[in-house]
Amino acid sequence: MHRQFKITFQIPVTVTKKKKWWVSRSPDLQVSSQGATKAKALESLKEALELFFETCAERNTFFEVMQECGVKLMPEKIGKPIHMPHNYLPINIPIPAMFTHSPTHACHV
């Protein structure tokens, strides 16, 4: 039986007003969107980021893409709060995952 869980990424994003549109961006992942309001721009960006991660998962390129985007795990920070730069907002992107089998051997060193 498969056991499901979620991994949540807290992505730093920016939102700026460009004439009559709000533009939302994840500069680190190079994903952008827009909306007529700030809330709509953030909602559209969240959807775009969900599709970005979904595509990475479908193509089995998640770890490769994260490395190309400069993502580095910080084991010393696990379980501790992270600090967002003052001009960034956090967006939480939940990623569904599952354990497909019980390990037959140790899965960690």
C-alpha atoms as a PDB file:
ATOM      1  CA  MET A   1       0.000   0.000   0.000  1.00  0.00           C
ATOM      2  CA  HIS A   2       1.330   3.447  -0.918  1.00  0.00           C
ATOM      3  CA  ARG A   3       1.589   6.037   1.837  1.00  0.00           C
ATOM      4  CA  GLN A   4       1.057   9.612   0.736  1.00  0.00           C
ATOM      5  CA  PHE A   5       2.588  12.786   2.139  1.00  0.00           C
ATOM      6  CA  LYS A   6       3.279  16.388   1.098  1.00  0.00           C
ATOM      7  CA  ILE A   7       6.463  18.362   0.810  1.00  0.00           C
ATOM      8  CA  THR A   8       5.846  22.106   1.015  1.00  0.00           C
ATOM      9  CA  PHE A   9       8.200  24.589  -0.582  1.00  0.00           C
ATOM     10  CA  GLN A  10       8.123  28.175   0.661  1.00  0.00           C
ATOM     11  CA  ILE A  11       9.169  30.114  -2.432  1.00  0.00           C
ATOM     12  CA  PRO A  12      10.305  33.763  -2.177  1.00  0.00           C
ATOM     13  CA  VAL A  13       8.505  35.893  -4.759  1.00  0.00           C
ATOM     14  CA  THR A  14       8.169  39.543  -5.734  1.00  0.00           C
ATOM     15  CA  VAL A  15       5.079  41.472  -6.810  1.00  0.00           C
ATOM     16  CA  THR A  16       5.308  44.811  -8.586  1.00  0.00           C
ATOM     17  CA  LYS A  17       2.822  47.121 -10.271  1.00  0.00           C
ATOM     18  CA  LYS A  18       3.499  47.632 -14.011  1.00  0.00           C
ATOM     19  CA  LYS A  19       1.052  50.193 -15.395  1.00  0.00           C
ATOM     20  CA  LYS A  20      -2.375  48.586 -14.887  1.00  0.00           C
ATOM     21  CA  TRP A  21      -1.105  45.031 -14.201  1.00  0.00           C
ATOM     22  CA  TRP A  22       0.523  43.419 -11.185  1.00  0.00           C
ATOM     23  CA  VAL A  23       3.506  41.215 -12.099  1.00  0.00           C
ATOM     24  CA  SER A  24       4.505  38.385  -9.776  1.00  0.00           C
ATOM     25  CA  ARG A  25       7.837  36.577 -10.120  1.00  0.00           C
ATOM     26  CA  SER A  26       9.941  33.858  -8.632  1.00  0.00           C
ATOM     27  CA  PRO A  27      13.307  35.191  -9.801  1.00  0.00           C
ATOM     28  CA  ASP A  28      15.157  32.123  -8.522  1.00  0.00           C
ATOM     29  CA  LEU A  29      13.005  29.650 -10.477  1.00  0.00           C
ATOM     30  CA  GLN A  30      12.454  32.070 -13.381  1.00  0.00           C
ATOM     31  CA  VAL A  31       8.663  31.682 -13.243  1.00  0.00           C
ATOM     32  CA  SER A  32       6.422  34.746 -13.704  1.00  0.00           C
ATOM     33  CA  SER A  33       2.756  35.614 -13.938  1.00  0.00           C
ATOM     34  CA  GLN A  34       0.448  38.606 -13.725  1.00  0.00           C
ATOM     35  CA  GLY A  35      -2.999  39.696 -12.646  1.00  0.00           C
ATOM     36  CA  ALA A  36      -5.308  42.696 -12.491  1.00  0.00           C
ATOM     37  CA  THR A  37      -4.830  42.813  -8.709  1.00  0.00           C
ATOM     38  CA  LYS A  38      -1.959  41.903  -6.417  1.00  0.00           C
ATOM     39  CA  ALA A  39      -3.946  38.944  -5.076  1.00  0.00           C
ATOM     40  CA  LYS A  40      -4.740  37.692  -8.610  1.00  0.00           C
ATOM     41  CA  ALA A  41      -1.080  38.007  -9.606  1.00  0.00           C
ATOM     42  CA  LEU A  42      -0.024  35.928  -6.587  1.00  0.00           C
ATOM     43  CA  GLU A  43      -2.757  33.370  -7.257  1.00  0.00           C
ATOM     44  CA  SER A  44      -1.645  33.077 -10.903  1.00  0.00           C
ATOM     45  CA  LEU A  45       1.986  32.690  -9.870  1.00  0.00           C
ATOM     46  CA  LYS A  46       1.095  29.961  -7.376  1.00  0.00           C
ATOM     47  CA  GLU A  47      -0.685  28.083 -10.174  1.00  0.00           C
ATOM     48  CA  ALA A  48       2.301  28.591 -12.506  1.00  0.00           C
ATOM     49  CA  LEU A  49       4.701  27.296  -9.833  1.00  0.00           C
ATOM     50  CA  GLU A  50       2.484  24.262  -9.205  1.00  0.00           C
ATOM     51  CA  LEU A  51       2.577  23.511 -12.951  1.00  0.00           C
ATOM     52  CA  PHE A  52       6.352  24.052 -12.970  1.00  0.00           C
ATOM     53  CA  PHE A  53       6.845  21.471 -10.199  1.00  0.00           C
ATOM     54  CA  GLU A  54       4.278  19.113 -11.750  1.00  0.00           C
ATOM     55  CA  THR A  55       6.137  19.210 -15.069  1.00  0.00           C
ATOM     56  CA  CYS A  56       9.460  18.532 -13.334  1.00  0.00           C
ATOM     57  CA  ALA A  57       7.904  15.542 -11.557  1.00  0.00           C
ATOM     58  CA  GLU A  58       6.305  14.174 -14.742  1.00  0.00           C
ATOM     59  CA  ARG A  59       9.621  14.421 -16.620  1.00  0.00           C
ATOM     60  CA  ASN A  60      11.551  13.022 -13.651  1.00  0.00           C
ATOM     61  CA  THR A  61      13.844  16.060 -13.774  1.00  0.00           C
ATOM     62  CA  PHE A  62      12.982  17.623 -10.412  1.00  0.00           C
ATOM     63  CA  PHE A  63      16.414  17.306  -8.789  1.00  0.00           C
ATOM     64  CA  GLU A  64      18.255  18.246 -11.983  1.00  0.00           C
ATOM     65  CA  VAL A  65      16.129  21.395 -12.451  1.00  0.00           C
ATOM     66  CA  MET A  66      16.510  22.382  -8.795  1.00  0.00           C
ATOM     67  CA  GLN A  67      20.290  22.068  -9.126  1.00  0.00           C
ATOM     68  CA  GLU A  68      20.253  24.174 -12.322  1.00  0.00           C
ATOM     69  CA  CYS A  69      18.254  26.836 -10.444  1.00  0.00           C
ATOM     70  CA  GLY A  70      20.922  26.916  -7.737  1.00  0.00           C
ATOM     71  CA  VAL A  71      18.955  25.125  -5.008  1.00  0.00           C
ATOM     72  CA  LYS A  72      21.152  23.802  -2.211  1.00  0.00           C
ATOM     73  CA  LEU A  73      19.798  21.908   0.773  1.00  0.00           C
ATOM     74  CA  MET A  74      20.702  23.379   4.148  1.00  0.00           C
ATOM     75  CA  PRO A  75      20.550  20.499   6.651  1.00  0.00           C
ATOM     76  CA  GLU A  76      21.582  22.779   9.525  1.00  0.00           C
ATOM     77  CA  LYS A  77      18.361  24.811   8.986  1.00  0.00           C
ATOM     78  CA  ILE A  78      15.886  21.900   8.949  1.00  0.00           C
ATOM     79  CA  GLY A  79      13.116  22.626  11.437  1.00  0.00           C
ATOM     80  CA  LYS A  80      14.211  26.240  11.929  1.00  0.00           C
ATOM     81  CA  PRO A  81      12.543  29.371  10.538  1.00  0.00           C
ATOM     82  CA  ILE A  82      13.979  30.831   7.364  1.00  0.00           C
ATOM     83  CA  HIS A  83      14.322  34.529   6.694  1.00  0.00           C
ATOM     84  CA  MET A  84      12.838  36.161   3.605  1.00  0.00           C
ATOM     85  CA  PRO A  85      14.506  39.250   2.172  1.00  0.00           C
ATOM     86  CA  HIS A  86      12.422  42.322   3.037  1.00  0.00           C
ATOM     87  CA  ASN A  87      11.141  42.849  -0.529  1.00  0.00           C
ATOM     88  CA  TYR A  88      10.004  39.213  -1.020  1.00  0.00           C
ATOM     89  CA  LEU A  89       6.780  37.460  -0.072  1.00  0.00           C
ATOM     90  CA  PRO A  90       6.542  33.720   0.642  1.00  0.00           C
ATOM     91  CA  ILE A  91       4.268  31.443  -1.396  1.00  0.00           C
ATOM     92  CA  ASN A  92       3.704  27.912  -0.088  1.00  0.00           C
ATOM     93  CA  ILE A  93       3.573  25.248  -2.795  1.00  0.00           C
ATOM     94  CA  PRO A  94       2.520  21.795  -1.516  1.00  0.00           C
ATOM     95  CA  ILE A  95       3.922  18.922  -3.584  1.00  0.00           C
ATOM     96  CA  PRO A  96       2.131  15.575  -3.184  1.00  0.00           C
ATOM     97  CA  ALA A  97       4.383  12.532  -2.978  1.00  0.00           C
ATOM     98  CA  MET A  98       4.183   8.931  -1.873  1.00  0.00           C
ATOM     99  CA  PHE A  99       6.275   6.056  -0.675  1.00  0.00           C
ATOM    100  CA  THR A 100       5.901   3.420  -3.396  1.00  0.00           C
ATOM    101  CA  HIS A 101       7.350   0.560  -1.372  1.00  0.00           C
ATOM    102  CA  SER A 102       8.925  -0.248   1.937  1.00  0.00           C
ATOM    103  CA  PRO A 103      12.695  -0.156   1.697  1.00  0.00           C
ATOM    104  CA  THR A 104      14.308  -3.583   1.610  1.00  0.00           C
ATOM    105  CA  HIS A 105      17.515  -2.024   2.889  1.00  0.00           C
ATOM    106  CA  ALA A 106      18.516   1.174   4.631  1.00  0.00           C
ATOM    107  CA  CYS A 107      17.583   4.160   2.481  1.00  0.00           C
ATOM    108  CA  HIS A 108      20.072   6.444   4.226  1.00  0.00           C
ATOM    109  CA  VAL A 109      23.664   6.234   5.285  1.00  0.00           C
END
